[in-house]
Amino acid sequence: MAARLLNIFGAATSAGAYSPGQEQAPAVFRRHGLAEALASRGRTIRDHSDVASFRWRPDSSRPQAMNLEAVRGACDLVASHVATAISAQEDVLVLGGDCTVELGTVAGANAAGARIGLVYMDFDADLNTPDTSDGALDWTGVAHLLNIPGCESSHAGLGPTRPMLVPQQLLYFGVENITPPEAAAIRDHAIKVISREEALIDIEAAAARAARMGGAL
């Protein structure tokens, strides 16, 4: 059976970040031949270029949730494209800037009725809410996916379901930097975690464990 078409979408945004720069990530992936490498492995690729773009700037009007409207706008665009591709029974790869792009990706998958399990590979847990964050919304992405109390309603309600994910659909892999509020949320919601320390001790065993846990997501 031929591999399904793989759609690539760029979200060249650093709206939720701490400073400019992360909006360049999709261009860097392309420049270093990501699509060509995937095509060489038998995938048929359709690169839709960047569907959203925003360069970070200070936002004194919302010091705890900077560039809120820009983050929401980018997520809406990503969600629409992801939903269209999945509904057509095609695969999707979203090349992101900051971590808020995940909100649009998951919202789009939900809109298309996809079965979702999220393996979250990041040094940070991104489980803060705006009132426990430092103003950068990419530190709050997972909290909005789970609809943790204190989140911005417009972001937590991006998709057709709220919450967009339940804790049983989430696995952290390689996480280390966890704030006290995040640790409490992980404990209270029984979220699965494979720490960075565990991964460094034996990466193959950690990956195998993640695969087993991921199968249950």
Protein backbone atom coordinates (compact mmCIF):
# COMPACT_ATOMS: atom_id res chain seq x y z
CA MET A 1 0.00 0.00 0.00
CA ALA A 2 1.37 3.40 -0.96
CA ALA A 3 2.22 5.77 1.86
CA ARG A 4 -0.32 8.49 2.47
CA LEU A 5 0.39 12.00 1.27
CA LEU A 6 2.33 14.00 3.87
CA ASN A 7 1.33 17.65 4.11
CA ILE A 8 3.88 20.06 5.59
CA PHE A 9 2.66 23.31 7.10
CA GLY A 10 4.89 26.01 8.52
CA ALA A 11 3.78 28.09 11.50
CA ALA A 12 6.49 30.74 11.41
CA THR A 13 5.51 32.39 14.65
CA SER A 14 7.27 33.36 17.85
CA ALA A 15 4.17 35.08 19.27
CA GLY A 16 4.20 32.97 22.41
CA ALA A 17 7.96 33.04 22.89
CA TYR A 18 10.32 35.17 24.98
CA SER A 19 11.99 37.00 22.08
CA PRO A 20 12.25 36.97 18.28
CA GLY A 21 13.94 34.08 16.50
CA GLN A 22 11.74 31.03 16.86
CA GLU A 23 9.62 32.16 13.90
CA GLN A 24 12.59 31.19 11.72
CA ALA A 25 12.35 27.49 12.62
CA PRO A 26 10.24 26.33 9.63
CA ALA A 27 12.63 28.03 7.19
CA VAL A 28 15.61 26.37 8.87
CA PHE A 29 14.03 22.92 8.58
CA ARG A 30 13.36 23.53 4.90
CA ARG A 31 16.83 24.94 4.23
CA HIS A 32 18.42 21.84 5.69
CA GLY A 33 16.42 19.53 3.42
CA LEU A 34 13.70 18.08 5.65
CA ALA A 35 11.21 17.56 2.81
CA GLU A 36 13.86 16.04 0.55
CA ALA A 37 14.97 13.67 3.30
CA LEU A 38 11.40 12.50 3.85
CA ALA A 39 10.84 12.11 0.11
CA SER A 40 14.01 9.99 -0.15
CA ARG A 41 12.35 7.56 2.26
CA GLY A 42 9.38 7.07 0.01
CA ARG A 43 7.02 9.76 1.27
CA THR A 44 5.05 11.89 -1.15
CA ILE A 45 5.32 15.45 0.14
CA ARG A 46 3.17 18.52 -0.35
CA ASP A 47 4.71 21.58 1.29
CA HIS A 48 2.12 24.30 1.81
CA SER A 49 4.75 26.82 2.91
CA ASP A 50 3.96 28.96 5.96
CA VAL A 51 0.30 29.23 6.88
CA ALA A 52 0.91 31.62 9.78
CA SER A 53 3.62 34.11 10.65
CA PHE A 54 4.33 36.51 13.50
CA ARG A 55 7.56 37.92 14.91
CA TRP A 56 7.60 38.33 18.69
CA ARG A 57 7.35 41.78 20.15
CA PRO A 58 6.84 43.08 23.68
CA ASP A 59 3.22 43.33 24.78
CA SER A 60 2.81 45.57 27.81
CA SER A 61 -0.98 45.39 27.52
CA ARG A 62 -0.96 41.73 28.63
CA PRO A 63 2.18 41.17 30.69
CA GLN A 64 1.05 37.70 31.82
CA ALA A 65 -0.15 36.54 28.39
CA MET A 66 1.80 38.47 25.80
CA ASN A 67 0.66 38.53 22.15
CA LEU A 68 -2.48 36.64 23.06
CA GLU A 69 -4.41 37.55 19.90
CA ALA A 70 -1.46 36.69 17.62
CA VAL A 71 -1.09 33.29 19.27
CA ARG A 72 -4.79 32.61 18.86
CA GLY A 73 -4.73 33.72 15.22
CA ALA A 74 -1.84 31.42 14.36
CA CYS A 75 -3.48 28.50 16.17
CA ASP A 76 -6.74 29.01 14.28
CA LEU A 77 -4.92 28.91 10.94
CA VAL A 78 -2.94 25.80 11.86
CA ALA A 79 -6.06 24.07 13.16
CA SER A 80 -7.94 24.71 9.91
CA HIS A 81 -5.19 23.27 7.72
CA VAL A 82 -4.58 20.27 9.99
CA ALA A 83 -8.29 19.43 10.10
CA THR A 84 -8.58 19.62 6.31
CA ALA A 85 -5.62 17.29 5.74
CA ILE A 86 -6.67 14.71 8.31
CA SER A 87 -10.26 14.73 7.04
CA ALA A 88 -8.85 13.89 3.61
CA GLN A 89 -7.07 10.90 5.22
CA GLU A 90 -3.67 12.49 4.69
CA ASP A 91 -0.78 12.89 7.11
CA VAL A 92 0.37 16.19 8.58
CA LEU A 93 3.69 17.60 9.79
CA VAL A 94 3.54 21.07 11.37
CA LEU A 95 6.85 22.93 11.54
CA GLY A 96 6.53 25.30 14.44
CA GLY A 97 8.09 28.33 15.97
CA ASP A 98 7.13 28.40 19.62
CA CYS A 99 5.31 25.73 21.60
CA THR A 100 1.87 27.34 21.29
CA VAL A 101 1.64 25.82 17.79
CA GLU A 102 0.67 22.54 19.45
CA LEU A 103 -2.69 24.07 20.41
CA GLY A 104 -3.67 24.55 16.78
CA THR A 105 -2.34 21.13 15.82
CA VAL A 106 -4.35 19.31 18.49
CA ALA A 107 -7.44 21.45 17.89
CA GLY A 108 -7.32 20.59 14.19
CA ALA A 109 -6.92 16.88 14.88
CA ASN A 110 -9.88 17.02 17.24
CA ALA A 111 -11.98 18.83 14.64
CA ALA A 112 -11.22 16.02 12.16
CA GLY A 113 -12.24 13.37 14.70
CA ALA A 114 -8.75 11.88 14.98
CA ARG A 115 -7.70 9.64 17.85
CA ILE A 116 -5.02 11.59 19.72
CA GLY A 117 -2.13 10.68 21.98
CA LEU A 118 0.50 13.32 22.68
CA VAL A 119 4.11 12.38 23.48
CA TYR A 120 5.53 15.70 24.64
CA MET A 121 9.31 15.92 24.21
CA ASP A 122 10.56 19.12 25.82
CA PHE A 123 12.91 20.22 28.59
CA ASP A 124 9.97 22.19 30.05
CA ALA A 125 6.55 20.87 31.01
CA ASP A 126 4.68 23.95 29.68
CA LEU A 127 2.01 23.28 32.26
CA ASN A 128 1.90 26.74 33.80
CA THR A 129 -1.13 28.98 33.60
CA PRO A 130 -0.73 32.69 32.79
CA ASP A 131 -0.92 33.63 36.47
CA THR A 132 2.02 31.32 37.32
CA SER A 133 3.96 32.08 34.14
CA ASP A 134 6.29 34.92 33.22
CA GLY A 135 4.27 36.23 30.30
CA ALA A 136 5.35 33.87 27.51
CA LEU A 137 2.40 31.76 26.42
CA ASP A 138 4.58 28.94 25.12
CA TRP A 139 5.19 28.09 28.78
CA THR A 140 1.46 27.41 29.12
CA GLY A 141 0.60 25.29 26.08
CA VAL A 142 -0.07 21.98 27.80
CA ALA A 143 -2.08 23.68 30.53
CA HIS A 144 -4.37 25.08 27.85
CA LEU A 145 -4.69 21.68 26.18
CA LEU A 146 -5.83 20.22 29.50
CA ASN A 147 -7.97 23.25 30.39
CA ILE A 148 -6.22 23.75 33.73
CA PRO A 149 -8.03 26.36 35.87
CA GLY A 150 -6.57 29.81 35.29
CA CYS A 151 -6.01 29.36 31.54
CA GLU A 152 -7.15 31.83 28.91
CA SER A 153 -10.62 30.76 27.83
CA SER A 154 -10.06 31.66 24.16
CA HIS A 155 -7.08 29.30 24.00
CA ALA A 156 -8.42 26.41 26.05
CA GLY A 157 -11.53 26.46 23.85
CA LEU A 158 -9.76 26.40 20.49
CA GLY A 159 -11.12 23.06 19.36
CA PRO A 160 -14.56 21.42 19.30
CA THR A 161 -13.85 19.62 22.59
CA ARG A 162 -12.90 21.16 25.92
CA PRO A 163 -10.52 20.12 27.25
CA MET A 164 -8.70 19.40 24.02
CA LEU A 165 -6.88 16.55 25.77
CA VAL A 166 -7.44 14.60 28.97
CA PRO A 167 -4.40 13.67 31.11
CA GLN A 168 -4.56 10.03 29.98
CA GLN A 169 -3.73 11.17 26.44
CA LEU A 170 -0.46 12.81 27.48
CA LEU A 171 3.06 11.49 28.10
CA TYR A 172 6.05 13.66 28.96
CA PHE A 173 9.37 12.43 27.61
CA GLY A 174 12.70 13.97 28.62
CA VAL A 175 11.23 16.67 30.83
CA GLU A 176 13.34 18.21 33.60
CA ASN A 177 12.43 21.83 34.27
CA ILE A 178 9.20 21.54 36.28
CA THR A 179 7.91 24.41 38.39
CA PRO A 180 6.12 23.71 41.71
CA PRO A 181 2.66 24.47 40.23
CA GLU A 182 3.44 22.16 37.31
CA ALA A 183 4.58 19.40 39.65
CA ALA A 184 1.31 19.70 41.55
CA ALA A 185 -0.68 19.49 38.31
CA ILE A 186 1.27 16.41 37.17
CA ARG A 187 0.61 14.75 40.50
CA ASP A 188 -3.06 15.75 40.76
CA HIS A 189 -3.84 14.64 37.19
CA ALA A 190 -1.67 11.49 37.26
CA ILE A 191 0.16 12.52 34.08
CA LYS A 192 2.72 10.00 32.81
CA VAL A 193 6.34 11.21 32.91
CA ILE A 194 9.67 9.86 31.68
CA SER A 195 12.22 12.31 33.00
CA ARG A 196 15.34 13.57 31.30
CA GLU A 197 17.39 11.74 33.92
CA GLU A 198 15.70 8.44 33.09
CA ALA A 199 16.25 9.00 29.38
CA LEU A 200 19.94 9.81 29.84
CA ILE A 201 20.59 6.73 31.96
CA ASP A 202 19.33 4.38 29.23
CA ILE A 203 17.79 6.06 26.20
CA GLU A 204 16.82 2.79 24.50
CA ALA A 205 15.00 1.52 27.58
CA ALA A 206 13.32 4.90 28.04
CA ALA A 207 12.21 4.95 24.40
CA ALA A 208 10.84 1.41 24.68
CA ARG A 209 8.95 2.37 27.81
CA ALA A 210 7.55 5.43 26.03
CA ALA A 211 6.41 3.26 23.13
CA ARG A 212 4.61 0.93 25.53
CA MET A 213 3.00 3.81 27.37
CA GLY A 214 2.21 5.58 24.12
CA GLY A 215 0.30 2.57 22.88
CA ALA A 216 -2.15 3.12 25.70
CA LEU A 217 -2.69 6.81 24.96
